[in-house]
Amino acid sequence: METLIFRSNSPKKLEALKAVAKALEISFESEEKPYHPKFVTKIEKSKEDKKAGKGRVSSIDEIDSLWK
């Protein structure tokens, strides 16, 4: 037996691969790995902070000066 792993960001392509596997009577497993919950919480908090007016806007020159 051989195992193949397909990765794609395109749901359309993944559905096509699943359809081919079903048509050829090949068994397969599908596993979705969500983002880590702590990461999701951090991103959601950042979005809330931005809506609440928290944070700071930096100019291109300020950001560019970080690399000098």
C-alpha atoms as a PDB file:
ATOM      1  CA  MET A   1       0.000   0.000   0.000  1.00  0.00           C
ATOM      2  CA  GLU A   2       1.150   3.537  -0.742  1.00  0.00           C
ATOM      3  CA  THR A   3      -0.060   6.781   0.825  1.00  0.00           C
ATOM      4  CA  LEU A   4      -0.383  10.016  -1.126  1.00  0.00           C
ATOM      5  CA  ILE A   5      -1.001  13.383   0.497  1.00  0.00           C
ATOM      6  CA  PHE A   6      -2.554  16.188  -1.535  1.00  0.00           C
ATOM      7  CA  ARG A   7      -2.555  19.780  -0.330  1.00  0.00           C
ATOM      8  CA  SER A   8      -4.365  22.583  -2.052  1.00  0.00           C
ATOM      9  CA  ASN A   9      -5.810  25.959  -1.160  1.00  0.00           C
ATOM     10  CA  SER A  10      -8.416  25.497  -3.857  1.00  0.00           C
ATOM     11  CA  PRO A  11     -11.622  23.818  -2.625  1.00  0.00           C
ATOM     12  CA  LYS A  12     -12.572  23.187  -6.258  1.00  0.00           C
ATOM     13  CA  LYS A  13      -9.428  21.165  -6.921  1.00  0.00           C
ATOM     14  CA  LEU A  14      -9.799  19.179  -3.702  1.00  0.00           C
ATOM     15  CA  GLU A  15     -13.389  18.292  -4.588  1.00  0.00           C
ATOM     16  CA  ALA A  16     -12.210  17.145  -8.019  1.00  0.00           C
ATOM     17  CA  LEU A  17      -9.561  14.901  -6.433  1.00  0.00           C
ATOM     18  CA  LYS A  18     -12.145  13.428  -4.063  1.00  0.00           C
ATOM     19  CA  ALA A  19     -14.492  12.762  -6.972  1.00  0.00           C
ATOM     20  CA  VAL A  20     -11.745  10.961  -8.904  1.00  0.00           C
ATOM     21  CA  ALA A  21     -10.869   8.854  -5.863  1.00  0.00           C
ATOM     22  CA  LYS A  22     -14.519   7.904  -5.363  1.00  0.00           C
ATOM     23  CA  ALA A  23     -14.917   7.048  -9.057  1.00  0.00           C
ATOM     24  CA  LEU A  24     -11.868   4.776  -8.892  1.00  0.00           C
ATOM     25  CA  GLU A  25     -13.115   3.288  -5.602  1.00  0.00           C
ATOM     26  CA  ILE A  26     -10.009   4.455  -3.770  1.00  0.00           C
ATOM     27  CA  SER A  27     -10.470   5.024  -0.061  1.00  0.00           C
ATOM     28  CA  PHE A  28      -9.291   8.341   1.329  1.00  0.00           C
ATOM     29  CA  GLU A  29      -9.345  10.371   4.510  1.00  0.00           C
ATOM     30  CA  SER A  30      -9.971  14.063   4.742  1.00  0.00           C
ATOM     31  CA  GLU A  31      -8.599  16.071   7.641  1.00  0.00           C
ATOM     32  CA  GLU A  32      -8.937  19.797   8.153  1.00  0.00           C
ATOM     33  CA  LYS A  33      -6.473  21.453  10.485  1.00  0.00           C
ATOM     34  CA  PRO A  34      -7.843  24.721  11.870  1.00  0.00           C
ATOM     35  CA  TYR A  35      -5.642  27.477  13.232  1.00  0.00           C
ATOM     36  CA  HIS A  36      -4.449  27.166  16.810  1.00  0.00           C
ATOM     37  CA  PRO A  37      -7.139  28.632  19.141  1.00  0.00           C
ATOM     38  CA  LYS A  38      -4.688  31.025  20.854  1.00  0.00           C
ATOM     39  CA  PHE A  39      -3.727  32.460  17.468  1.00  0.00           C
ATOM     40  CA  VAL A  40      -7.368  32.940  16.483  1.00  0.00           C
ATOM     41  CA  THR A  41      -8.112  34.676  19.797  1.00  0.00           C
ATOM     42  CA  LYS A  42      -5.152  37.010  19.297  1.00  0.00           C
ATOM     43  CA  ILE A  43      -6.262  37.960  15.779  1.00  0.00           C
ATOM     44  CA  GLU A  44      -9.869  38.553  16.898  1.00  0.00           C
ATOM     45  CA  LYS A  45      -8.673  40.790  19.747  1.00  0.00           C
ATOM     46  CA  SER A  46      -6.520  42.771  17.323  1.00  0.00           C
ATOM     47  CA  LYS A  47      -9.525  43.326  15.053  1.00  0.00           C
ATOM     48  CA  GLU A  48     -11.616  44.505  18.025  1.00  0.00           C
ATOM     49  CA  ASP A  49      -8.828  46.849  19.143  1.00  0.00           C
ATOM     50  CA  LYS A  50      -8.626  48.349  15.659  1.00  0.00           C
ATOM     51  CA  LYS A  51     -12.401  48.961  15.607  1.00  0.00           C
ATOM     52  CA  ALA A  52     -12.135  50.608  19.046  1.00  0.00           C
ATOM     53  CA  GLY A  53      -9.502  53.025  17.747  1.00  0.00           C
ATOM     54  CA  LYS A  54      -6.618  51.447  19.602  1.00  0.00           C
ATOM     55  CA  GLY A  55      -3.291  50.990  17.926  1.00  0.00           C
ATOM     56  CA  ARG A  56      -1.097  53.271  15.928  1.00  0.00           C
ATOM     57  CA  VAL A  57      -0.595  54.207  12.297  1.00  0.00           C
ATOM     58  CA  SER A  58       2.986  54.224  11.028  1.00  0.00           C
ATOM     59  CA  SER A  59       4.267  55.986   7.947  1.00  0.00           C
ATOM     60  CA  ILE A  60       6.378  54.258   5.337  1.00  0.00           C
ATOM     61  CA  ASP A  61       9.358  56.328   6.457  1.00  0.00           C
ATOM     62  CA  GLU A  62       8.933  55.156  10.071  1.00  0.00           C
ATOM     63  CA  ILE A  63       8.768  51.528   8.998  1.00  0.00           C
ATOM     64  CA  ASP A  64      11.686  51.965   6.592  1.00  0.00           C
ATOM     65  CA  SER A  65      13.812  53.486   9.366  1.00  0.00           C
ATOM     66  CA  LEU A  66      13.469  50.248  11.367  1.00  0.00           C
ATOM     67  CA  TRP A  67      15.693  48.482   8.832  1.00  0.00           C
ATOM     68  CA  LYS A  68      18.485  51.084   8.883  1.00  0.00           C
END
